[in-house]
PDB file of N, CA and C in Angstrom:
ATOM      1  N   UNK A   1     -52.243 -78.226 165.595  1.00  0.00           N
ATOM      2  CA  UNK A   1     -53.229 -78.340 164.373  1.00  0.00           C
ATOM      3  C   UNK A   1     -52.492 -79.245 163.114  1.00  0.00           C
ATOM      4  N   UNK A   2     -50.957 -78.854 163.201  1.00  0.00           N
ATOM      5  CA  UNK A   2     -50.085 -79.731 162.133  1.00  0.00           C
ATOM      6  C   UNK A   2     -50.509 -81.279 161.895  1.00  0.00           C
ATOM      7  N   UNK A   3     -50.288 -81.721 163.559  1.00  0.00           N
ATOM      8  CA  UNK A   3     -50.483 -83.066 163.645  1.00  0.00           C
ATOM      9  C   UNK A   3     -51.854 -84.064 163.442  1.00  0.00           C
ATOM     10  N   UNK A   4     -53.039 -83.012 163.501  1.00  0.00           N
ATOM     11  CA  UNK A   4     -54.032 -83.340 163.040  1.00  0.00           C
ATOM     12  C   UNK A   4     -54.729 -84.071 164.036  1.00  0.00           C
ATOM     13  N   UNK A   5     -54.354 -83.613 165.665  1.00  0.00           N
ATOM     14  CA  UNK A   5     -54.920 -84.861 166.550  1.00  0.00           C
ATOM     15  C   UNK A   5     -56.458 -84.120 167.466  1.00  0.00           C
ATOM     16  N   UNK A   6     -56.315 -82.760 167.383  1.00  0.00           N
ATOM     17  CA  UNK A   6     -57.341 -81.792 167.759  1.00  0.00           C
ATOM     18  C   UNK A   6     -58.496 -81.800 166.691  1.00  0.00           C
ATOM     19  N   UNK A   7     -57.425 -81.405 165.331  1.00  0.00           N
ATOM     20  CA  UNK A   7     -58.792 -80.681 164.062  1.00  0.00           C
ATOM     21  C   UNK A   7     -58.486 -81.466 162.982  1.00  0.00           C
ATOM     22  N   UNK A   8     -59.164 -81.834 162.272  1.00  0.00           N
ATOM     23  CA  UNK A   8     -58.837 -82.143 160.671  1.00  0.00           C
ATOM     24  C   UNK A   8     -59.050 -81.123 159.520  1.00  0.00           C
ATOM     25  N   UNK A   9     -58.330 -80.486 158.975  1.00  0.00           N
ATOM     26  CA  UNK A   9     -58.120 -79.545 157.878  1.00  0.00           C
ATOM     27  C   UNK A   9     -58.529 -80.373 156.574  1.00  0.00           C
ATOM     28  N   UNK A  10     -59.085 -79.983 155.398  1.00  0.00           N
ATOM     29  CA  UNK A  10     -58.859 -80.409 154.034  1.00  0.00           C
ATOM     30  C   UNK A  10     -59.258 -78.796 153.342  1.00  0.00           C
ATOM     31  N   UNK A  11     -58.737 -79.023 152.325  1.00  0.00           N
ATOM     32  CA  UNK A  11     -59.102 -77.607 151.393  1.00  0.00           C
ATOM     33  C   UNK A  11     -58.536 -78.528 149.947  1.00  0.00           C
ATOM     34  N   UNK A  12     -59.196 -77.521 149.244  1.00  0.00           N
ATOM     35  CA  UNK A  12     -59.077 -77.487 147.458  1.00  0.00           C
ATOM     36  C   UNK A  12     -58.778 -76.164 147.058  1.00  0.00           C
ATOM     37  N   UNK A  13     -57.787 -75.729 146.164  1.00  0.00           N
ATOM     38  CA  UNK A  13     -57.608 -74.433 145.661  1.00  0.00           C
ATOM     39  C   UNK A  13     -58.826 -74.465 143.897  1.00  0.00           C
ATOM     40  N   UNK A  14     -59.459 -73.387 144.130  1.00  0.00           N
ATOM     41  CA  UNK A  14     -60.604 -73.943 142.558  1.00  0.00           C
ATOM     42  C   UNK A  14     -59.950 -72.527 142.064  1.00  0.00           C
ATOM     43  N   UNK A  15     -58.946 -71.516 142.425  1.00  0.00           N
ATOM     44  CA  UNK A  15     -58.437 -70.387 141.776  1.00  0.00           C
ATOM     45  C   UNK A  15     -57.061 -70.330 142.385  1.00  0.00           C
ATOM     46  N   UNK A  16     -56.077 -70.335 141.167  1.00  0.00           N
ATOM     47  CA  UNK A  16     -54.746 -70.060 141.205  1.00  0.00           C
ATOM     48  C   UNK A  16     -54.391 -68.957 140.226  1.00  0.00           C
ATOM     49  N   UNK A  17     -53.674 -67.947 140.630  1.00  0.00           N
ATOM     50  CA  UNK A  17     -53.295 -67.050 139.747  1.00  0.00           C
ATOM     51  C   UNK A  17     -51.894 -66.147 140.058  1.00  0.00           C
ATOM     52  N   UNK A  18     -50.887 -66.257 139.310  1.00  0.00           N
ATOM     53  CA  UNK A  18     -49.494 -65.846 139.221  1.00  0.00           C
ATOM     54  C   UNK A  18     -49.534 -64.294 138.837  1.00  0.00           C
ATOM     55  N   UNK A  19     -49.029 -63.731 139.912  1.00  0.00           N
ATOM     56  CA  UNK A  19     -48.908 -62.202 139.588  1.00  0.00           C
ATOM     57  C   UNK A  19     -48.249 -61.757 138.438  1.00  0.00           C
ATOM     58  N   UNK A  20     -47.723 -60.280 138.182  1.00  0.00           N
ATOM     59  CA  UNK A  20     -46.822 -59.644 137.106  1.00  0.00           C
ATOM     60  C   UNK A  20     -45.471 -60.236 137.835  1.00  0.00           C
ATOM     61  N   UNK A  21     -45.402 -59.915 139.145  1.00  0.00           N
ATOM     62  CA  UNK A  21     -43.977 -60.503 139.536  1.00  0.00           C
ATOM     63  C   UNK A  21     -43.949 -62.179 139.650  1.00  0.00           C
ATOM     64  N   UNK A  22     -43.619 -63.311 138.511  1.00  0.00           N
ATOM     65  CA  UNK A  22     -43.693 -64.666 138.130  1.00  0.00           C
ATOM     66  C   UNK A  22     -43.718 -65.497 139.643  1.00  0.00           C
ATOM     67  N   UNK A  23     -43.056 -64.658 140.734  1.00  0.00           N
ATOM     68  CA  UNK A  23     -42.666 -65.287 142.178  1.00  0.00           C
ATOM     69  C   UNK A  23     -43.522 -65.281 142.893  1.00  0.00           C
ATOM     70  N   UNK A  24     -44.346 -64.567 142.644  1.00  0.00           N
ATOM     71  CA  UNK A  24     -45.566 -64.466 143.836  1.00  0.00           C
ATOM     72  C   UNK A  24     -47.005 -64.971 143.103  1.00  0.00           C
ATOM     73  N   UNK A  25     -47.511 -65.758 144.014  1.00  0.00           N
ATOM     74  CA  UNK A  25     -49.051 -66.730 143.411  1.00  0.00           C
ATOM     75  C   UNK A  25     -49.965 -66.468 144.589  1.00  0.00           C
ATOM     76  N   UNK A  26     -51.277 -66.273 144.087  1.00  0.00           N
ATOM     77  CA  UNK A  26     -52.576 -66.633 145.262  1.00  0.00           C
ATOM     78  C   UNK A  26     -52.949 -67.751 144.962  1.00  0.00           C
ATOM     79  N   UNK A  27     -53.718 -68.338 145.800  1.00  0.00           N
ATOM     80  CA  UNK A  27     -54.743 -69.561 145.430  1.00  0.00           C
ATOM     81  C   UNK A  27     -55.910 -69.567 146.655  1.00  0.00           C
ATOM     82  N   UNK A  28     -56.896 -69.731 145.889  1.00  0.00           N
ATOM     83  CA  UNK A  28     -58.310 -69.358 146.940  1.00  0.00           C
ATOM     84  C   UNK A  28     -59.289 -70.838 146.606  1.00  0.00           C
ATOM     85  N   UNK A  29     -60.149 -71.080 147.653  1.00  0.00           N
ATOM     86  CA  UNK A  29     -60.997 -72.129 147.417  1.00  0.00           C
ATOM     87  C   UNK A  29     -61.628 -72.504 148.601  1.00  0.00           C
ATOM     88  N   UNK A  30     -62.553 -73.474 148.767  1.00  0.00           N
ATOM     89  CA  UNK A  30     -63.305 -74.189 149.995  1.00  0.00           C
ATOM     90  C   UNK A  30     -62.670 -74.758 150.464  1.00  0.00           C
ATOM     91  N   UNK A  31     -62.755 -75.064 152.124  1.00  0.00           N
ATOM     92  CA  UNK A  31     -61.973 -75.214 153.005  1.00  0.00           C
ATOM     93  C   UNK A  31     -63.132 -76.141 153.766  1.00  0.00           C
ATOM     94  N   UNK A  32     -62.798 -77.440 154.666  1.00  0.00           N
ATOM     95  CA  UNK A  32     -63.738 -78.035 155.163  1.00  0.00           C
ATOM     96  C   UNK A  32     -62.494 -78.304 157.116  1.00  0.00           C
ATOM     97  N   UNK A  33     -63.465 -77.559 158.095  1.00  0.00           N
ATOM     98  CA  UNK A  33     -62.647 -77.823 159.185  1.00  0.00           C
ATOM     99  C   UNK A  33     -63.536 -78.995 159.917  1.00  0.00           C
ATOM    100  N   UNK A  34     -62.989 -79.897 160.508  1.00  0.00           N
ATOM    101  CA  UNK A  34     -63.425 -80.562 161.671  1.00  0.00           C
ATOM    102  C   UNK A  34     -62.641 -80.837 163.356  1.00  0.00           C
ATOM    103  N   UNK A  35     -63.474 -80.158 163.817  1.00  0.00           N
ATOM    104  CA  UNK A  35     -62.826 -80.666 165.051  1.00  0.00           C
ATOM    105  C   UNK A  35     -63.259 -81.745 166.308  1.00  0.00           C
ATOM    106  N   UNK A  36     -61.821 -82.313 166.154  1.00  0.00           N
ATOM    107  CA  UNK A  36     -61.881 -83.483 166.862  1.00  0.00           C
ATOM    108  C   UNK A  36     -61.947 -83.627 168.573  1.00  0.00           C
ATOM    109  N   UNK A  37     -61.776 -82.838 168.952  1.00  0.00           N
ATOM    110  CA  UNK A  37     -62.077 -82.611 170.557  1.00  0.00           C
ATOM    111  C   UNK A  37     -63.819 -82.599 170.859  1.00  0.00           C
ATOM    112  N   UNK A  38     -63.154 -83.920 172.133  1.00  0.00           N
ATOM    113  CA  UNK A  38     -64.838 -84.469 172.292  1.00  0.00           C
ATOM    114  C   UNK A  38     -65.960 -83.149 172.618  1.00  0.00           C
ATOM    115  N   UNK A  39     -65.432 -82.250 173.308  1.00  0.00           N
ATOM    116  CA  UNK A  39     -66.057 -81.233 173.917  1.00  0.00           C
ATOM    117  C   UNK A  39     -66.151 -80.278 173.138  1.00  0.00           C
ATOM    118  N   UNK A  40     -65.920 -79.965 171.662  1.00  0.00           N
ATOM    119  CA  UNK A  40     -66.148 -78.877 170.758  1.00  0.00           C
ATOM    120  C   UNK A  40     -67.576 -78.492 170.629  1.00  0.00           C
ATOM    121  N   UNK A  41     -68.077 -77.328 170.808  1.00  0.00           N
ATOM    122  CA  UNK A  41     -69.209 -76.654 170.546  1.00  0.00           C
ATOM    123  C   UNK A  41     -69.468 -76.935 169.152  1.00  0.00           C
ATOM    124  N   UNK A  42     -68.808 -76.707 168.234  1.00  0.00           N
ATOM    125  CA  UNK A  42     -68.894 -76.595 166.646  1.00  0.00           C
ATOM    126  C   UNK A  42     -68.065 -77.534 166.195  1.00  0.00           C
ATOM    127  N   UNK A  43     -68.669 -78.817 165.512  1.00  0.00           N
ATOM    128  CA  UNK A  43     -67.945 -79.705 164.871  1.00  0.00           C
ATOM    129  C   UNK A  43     -67.077 -79.553 163.721  1.00  0.00           C
ATOM    130  N   UNK A  44     -67.986 -79.094 162.958  1.00  0.00           N
ATOM    131  CA  UNK A  44     -67.781 -78.920 161.587  1.00  0.00           C
ATOM    132  C   UNK A  44     -67.825 -77.462 160.951  1.00  0.00           C
ATOM    133  N   UNK A  45     -67.166 -77.167 160.336  1.00  0.00           N
ATOM    134  CA  UNK A  45     -67.449 -75.589 159.437  1.00  0.00           C
ATOM    135  C   UNK A  45     -66.656 -75.529 158.373  1.00  0.00           C
ATOM    136  N   UNK A  46     -67.148 -74.718 157.172  1.00  0.00           N
ATOM    137  CA  UNK A  46     -67.200 -74.425 155.993  1.00  0.00           C
ATOM    138  C   UNK A  46     -66.794 -73.370 155.378  1.00  0.00           C
ATOM    139  N   UNK A  47     -65.925 -72.818 154.647  1.00  0.00           N
ATOM    140  CA  UNK A  47     -65.475 -71.920 154.173  1.00  0.00           C
ATOM    141  C   UNK A  47     -64.815 -71.604 152.988  1.00  0.00           C
ATOM    142  N   UNK A  48     -64.382 -70.207 152.953  1.00  0.00           N
ATOM    143  CA  UNK A  48     -63.009 -70.311 151.758  1.00  0.00           C
ATOM    144  C   UNK A  48     -62.131 -69.738 151.939  1.00  0.00           C
ATOM    145  N   UNK A  49     -60.498 -70.316 151.674  1.00  0.00           N
ATOM    146  CA  UNK A  49     -59.686 -70.010 152.284  1.00  0.00           C
ATOM    147  C   UNK A  49     -58.304 -69.186 151.331  1.00  0.00           C
ATOM    148  N   UNK A  50     -57.899 -68.083 151.687  1.00  0.00           N
ATOM    149  CA  UNK A  50     -56.868 -67.637 150.521  1.00  0.00           C
ATOM    150  C   UNK A  50     -55.409 -67.975 151.146  1.00  0.00           C
ATOM    151  N   UNK A  51     -54.694 -68.108 149.821  1.00  0.00           N
ATOM    152  CA  UNK A  51     -52.859 -67.964 150.342  1.00  0.00           C
ATOM    153  C   UNK A  51     -51.954 -67.596 149.399  1.00  0.00           C
ATOM    154  N   UNK A  52     -51.247 -66.932 149.569  1.00  0.00           N
ATOM    155  CA  UNK A  52     -50.321 -66.141 149.496  1.00  0.00           C
ATOM    156  C   UNK A  52     -49.120 -67.038 149.186  1.00  0.00           C
ATOM    157  N   UNK A  53     -48.305 -67.342 148.043  1.00  0.00           N
ATOM    158  CA  UNK A  53     -47.220 -68.084 147.818  1.00  0.00           C
ATOM    159  C   UNK A  53     -46.071 -67.443 147.706  1.00  0.00           C
ATOM    160  N   UNK A  54     -44.828 -67.806 147.589  1.00  0.00           N
ATOM    161  CA  UNK A  54     -43.730 -67.064 147.139  1.00  0.00           C
ATOM    162  C   UNK A  54     -42.934 -68.010 146.766  1.00  0.00           C
ATOM    163  N   UNK A  55     -42.686 -67.748 145.482  1.00  0.00           N
ATOM    164  CA  UNK A  55     -41.323 -68.983 144.502  1.00  0.00           C
ATOM    165  C   UNK A  55     -40.052 -68.791 145.097  1.00  0.00           C
ATOM    166  N   UNK A  56     -39.138 -69.575 145.880  1.00  0.00           N
ATOM    167  CA  UNK A  56     -37.662 -69.685 146.116  1.00  0.00           C
ATOM    168  C   UNK A  56     -36.873 -69.907 145.110  1.00  0.00           C
ATOM    169  N   UNK A  57     -35.523 -69.392 145.109  1.00  0.00           N
ATOM    170  CA  UNK A  57     -34.838 -69.641 144.083  1.00  0.00           C
ATOM    171  C   UNK A  57     -34.569 -70.989 143.654  1.00  0.00           C
ATOM    172  N   UNK A  58     -34.690 -72.045 144.739  1.00  0.00           N
ATOM    173  CA  UNK A  58     -34.688 -73.737 144.121  1.00  0.00           C
ATOM    174  C   UNK A  58     -35.814 -74.035 143.416  1.00  0.00           C
ATOM    175  N   UNK A  59     -36.833 -73.033 143.492  1.00  0.00           N
ATOM    176  CA  UNK A  59     -38.445 -73.214 142.462  1.00  0.00           C
ATOM    177  C   UNK A  59     -39.311 -73.749 143.356  1.00  0.00           C
ATOM    178  N   UNK A  60     -39.006 -74.041 144.657  1.00  0.00           N
ATOM    179  CA  UNK A  60     -39.801 -74.640 145.489  1.00  0.00           C
ATOM    180  C   UNK A  60     -41.060 -73.357 145.983  1.00  0.00           C
ATOM    181  N   UNK A  61     -42.298 -73.621 146.098  1.00  0.00           N
ATOM    182  CA  UNK A  61     -43.084 -72.526 146.245  1.00  0.00           C
ATOM    183  C   UNK A  61     -43.578 -72.619 148.033  1.00  0.00           C
ATOM    184  N   UNK A  62     -43.316 -71.654 148.456  1.00  0.00           N
ATOM    185  CA  UNK A  62     -43.598 -71.666 150.119  1.00  0.00           C
ATOM    186  C   UNK A  62     -44.851 -70.547 150.521  1.00  0.00           C
ATOM    187  N   UNK A  63     -45.453 -70.606 151.576  1.00  0.00           N
ATOM    188  CA  UNK A  63     -46.798 -69.970 151.754  1.00  0.00           C
ATOM    189  C   UNK A  63     -45.969 -69.025 152.387  1.00  0.00           C
ATOM    190  N   UNK A  64     -46.249 -67.711 151.912  1.00  0.00           N
ATOM    191  CA  UNK A  64     -45.912 -66.129 152.630  1.00  0.00           C
ATOM    192  C   UNK A  64     -47.561 -65.894 153.661  1.00  0.00           C
ATOM    193  N   UNK A  65     -48.480 -66.215 153.327  1.00  0.00           N
ATOM    194  CA  UNK A  65     -49.422 -65.714 154.205  1.00  0.00           C
ATOM    195  C   UNK A  65     -50.741 -66.701 153.843  1.00  0.00           C
ATOM    196  N   UNK A  66     -51.115 -67.189 154.784  1.00  0.00           N
ATOM    197  CA  UNK A  66     -52.361 -68.388 154.607  1.00  0.00           C
ATOM    198  C   UNK A  66     -53.595 -67.953 155.511  1.00  0.00           C
ATOM    199  N   UNK A  67     -54.880 -67.754 155.056  1.00  0.00           N
ATOM    200  CA  UNK A  67     -55.922 -67.377 155.938  1.00  0.00           C
ATOM    201  C   UNK A  67     -57.187 -67.482 155.381  1.00  0.00           C
ATOM    202  N   UNK A  68     -58.092 -67.397 156.317  1.00  0.00           N
ATOM    203  CA  UNK A  68     -59.730 -67.947 156.099  1.00  0.00           C
ATOM    204  C   UNK A  68     -59.999 -66.351 155.255  1.00  0.00           C
ATOM    205  N   UNK A  69     -60.548 -66.822 153.787  1.00  0.00           N
ATOM    206  CA  UNK A  69     -60.697 -65.460 153.201  1.00  0.00           C
ATOM    207  C   UNK A  69     -62.187 -65.223 153.836  1.00  0.00           C
ATOM    208  N   UNK A  70     -62.917 -66.402 154.326  1.00  0.00           N
ATOM    209  CA  UNK A  70     -64.839 -65.674 154.889  1.00  0.00           C
ATOM    210  C   UNK A  70     -64.854 -66.648 155.849  1.00  0.00           C
ATOM    211  N   UNK A  71     -65.291 -66.418 157.035  1.00  0.00           N
ATOM    212  CA  UNK A  71     -65.153 -67.464 157.727  1.00  0.00           C
ATOM    213  C   UNK A  71     -66.568 -68.303 157.602  1.00  0.00           C
ATOM    214  N   UNK A  72     -66.712 -69.648 157.554  1.00  0.00           N
ATOM    215  CA  UNK A  72     -67.677 -70.222 157.009  1.00  0.00           C
ATOM    216  C   UNK A  72     -68.443 -70.415 158.290  1.00  0.00           C
ATOM    217  N   UNK A  73     -70.005 -71.206 157.596  1.00  0.00           N
ATOM    218  CA  UNK A  73     -70.800 -71.328 158.648  1.00  0.00           C
ATOM    219  C   UNK A  73     -70.861 -72.883 159.085  1.00  0.00           C
ATOM    220  N   UNK A  74     -71.305 -72.620 160.212  1.00  0.00           N
ATOM    221  CA  UNK A  74     -71.618 -74.304 160.918  1.00  0.00           C
ATOM    222  C   UNK A  74     -72.098 -75.409 160.073  1.00  0.00           C
ATOM    223  N   UNK A  75     -71.790 -76.470 159.778  1.00  0.00           N
ATOM    224  CA  UNK A  75     -72.868 -77.572 158.777  1.00  0.00           C
ATOM    225  C   UNK A  75     -72.662 -78.410 159.675  1.00  0.00           C
ATOM    226  N   UNK A  76     -74.044 -79.120 159.598  1.00  0.00           N
ATOM    227  CA  UNK A  76     -74.340 -80.223 160.420  1.00  0.00           C
ATOM    228  C   UNK A  76     -73.531 -81.875 160.606  1.00  0.00           C
ATOM    229  N   UNK A  77     -72.414 -81.813 159.527  1.00  0.00           N
ATOM    230  CA  UNK A  77     -72.167 -83.377 159.703  1.00  0.00           C
ATOM    231  C   UNK A  77     -71.071 -83.631 158.931  1.00  0.00           C
ATOM    232  N   UNK A  78     -70.226 -84.171 158.616  1.00  0.00           N
ATOM    233  CA  UNK A  78     -68.950 -84.574 157.832  1.00  0.00           C
ATOM    234  C   UNK A  78     -69.618 -84.748 156.186  1.00  0.00           C
ATOM    235  N   UNK A  79     -70.749 -85.624 156.194  1.00  0.00           N
ATOM    236  CA  UNK A  79     -71.210 -85.302 154.889  1.00  0.00           C
ATOM    237  C   UNK A  79     -71.732 -84.275 154.158  1.00  0.00           C
ATOM    238  N   UNK A  80     -72.093 -83.322 155.312  1.00  0.00           N
ATOM    239  CA  UNK A  80     -72.475 -81.780 154.336  1.00  0.00           C
ATOM    240  C   UNK A  80     -71.006 -81.044 153.936  1.00  0.00           C
ATOM    241  N   UNK A  81     -69.952 -81.100 154.867  1.00  0.00           N
ATOM    242  CA  UNK A  81     -68.751 -80.697 154.867  1.00  0.00           C
ATOM    243  C   UNK A  81     -68.334 -81.289 153.554  1.00  0.00           C
ATOM    244  N   UNK A  82     -67.836 -82.371 153.220  1.00  0.00           N
ATOM    245  CA  UNK A  82     -67.591 -82.969 152.039  1.00  0.00           C
ATOM    246  C   UNK A  82     -68.533 -82.415 151.055  1.00  0.00           C
ATOM    247  N   UNK A  83     -69.947 -82.408 151.209  1.00  0.00           N
ATOM    248  CA  UNK A  83     -70.302 -81.894 149.958  1.00  0.00           C
ATOM    249  C   UNK A  83     -69.687 -80.426 149.351  1.00  0.00           C
ATOM    250  N   UNK A  84     -69.975 -79.808 150.504  1.00  0.00           N
ATOM    251  CA  UNK A  84     -69.462 -78.060 150.427  1.00  0.00           C
ATOM    252  C   UNK A  84     -68.045 -78.296 149.404  1.00  0.00           C
ATOM    253  N   UNK A  85     -67.009 -79.165 150.018  1.00  0.00           N
ATOM    254  CA  UNK A  85     -65.690 -79.006 149.688  1.00  0.00           C
ATOM    255  C   UNK A  85     -65.955 -79.693 148.086  1.00  0.00           C
ATOM    256  N   UNK A  86     -66.723 -80.791 147.901  1.00  0.00           N
ATOM    257  CA  UNK A  86     -66.555 -81.537 146.589  1.00  0.00           C
ATOM    258  C   UNK A  86     -66.936 -80.485 145.311  1.00  0.00           C
ATOM    259  N   UNK A  87     -67.471 -79.306 145.500  1.00  0.00           N
ATOM    260  CA  UNK A  87     -67.614 -78.553 144.202  1.00  0.00           C
ATOM    261  C   UNK A  87     -66.343 -77.965 143.702  1.00  0.00           C
ATOM    262  N   UNK A  88     -65.289 -77.825 144.414  1.00  0.00           N
ATOM    263  CA  UNK A  88     -63.694 -77.559 143.759  1.00  0.00           C
ATOM    264  C   UNK A  88     -63.295 -78.527 142.908  1.00  0.00           C
ATOM    265  N   UNK A  89     -62.350 -78.332 142.056  1.00  0.00           N
ATOM    266  CA  UNK A  89     -61.791 -79.189 141.428  1.00  0.00           C
ATOM    267  C   UNK A  89     -60.780 -80.242 142.384  1.00  0.00           C
ATOM    268  N   UNK A  90     -61.066 -81.796 141.925  1.00  0.00           N
ATOM    269  CA  UNK A  90     -60.185 -82.587 142.389  1.00  0.00           C
ATOM    270  C   UNK A  90     -58.691 -82.713 142.651  1.00  0.00           C
ATOM    271  N   UNK A  91     -57.919 -81.446 141.408  1.00  0.00           N
ATOM    272  CA  UNK A  91     -56.662 -81.163 141.197  1.00  0.00           C
ATOM    273  C   UNK A  91     -56.174 -80.017 141.104  1.00  0.00           C
ATOM    274  N   UNK A  92     -55.160 -79.393 141.444  1.00  0.00           N
ATOM    275  CA  UNK A  92     -54.883 -78.003 141.128  1.00  0.00           C
ATOM    276  C   UNK A  92     -55.367 -77.218 139.960  1.00  0.00           C
ATOM    277  N   UNK A  93     -55.762 -76.530 139.632  1.00  0.00           N
ATOM    278  CA  UNK A  93     -55.919 -75.641 138.376  1.00  0.00           C
ATOM    279  C   UNK A  93     -54.909 -75.211 137.621  1.00  0.00           C
ATOM    280  N   UNK A  94     -54.731 -75.810 136.345  1.00  0.00           N
ATOM    281  CA  UNK A  94     -53.681 -75.626 135.739  1.00  0.00           C
ATOM    282  C   UNK A  94     -53.945 -74.723 134.333  1.00  0.00           C
ATOM    283  N   UNK A  95     -52.971 -73.776 133.811  1.00  0.00           N
ATOM    284  CA  UNK A  95     -53.059 -73.062 132.966  1.00  0.00           C
ATOM    285  C   UNK A  95     -51.798 -73.024 131.673  1.00  0.00           C
TER     286      UNK A  95
END
């Protein structure tokens, strides 16, 4: 999955919040999943993801949990998947 040979995954956070503990954050937003395998039954899927982040002593943020907040529907093609993704901000929201 990480190498992008069998699937392509794109996502954009549209909500990022830091908790009461300033070292924990959550991000949510739309994702676009494309199955690149020739025999894939479903080629394109969209949905909402949720990621929980923890800030390390170095200042770097690392993912503690990453998952689909809601399984998305199948979409007919890449253009429809891109349209779904386009409703999120192009840059991570900042406060």
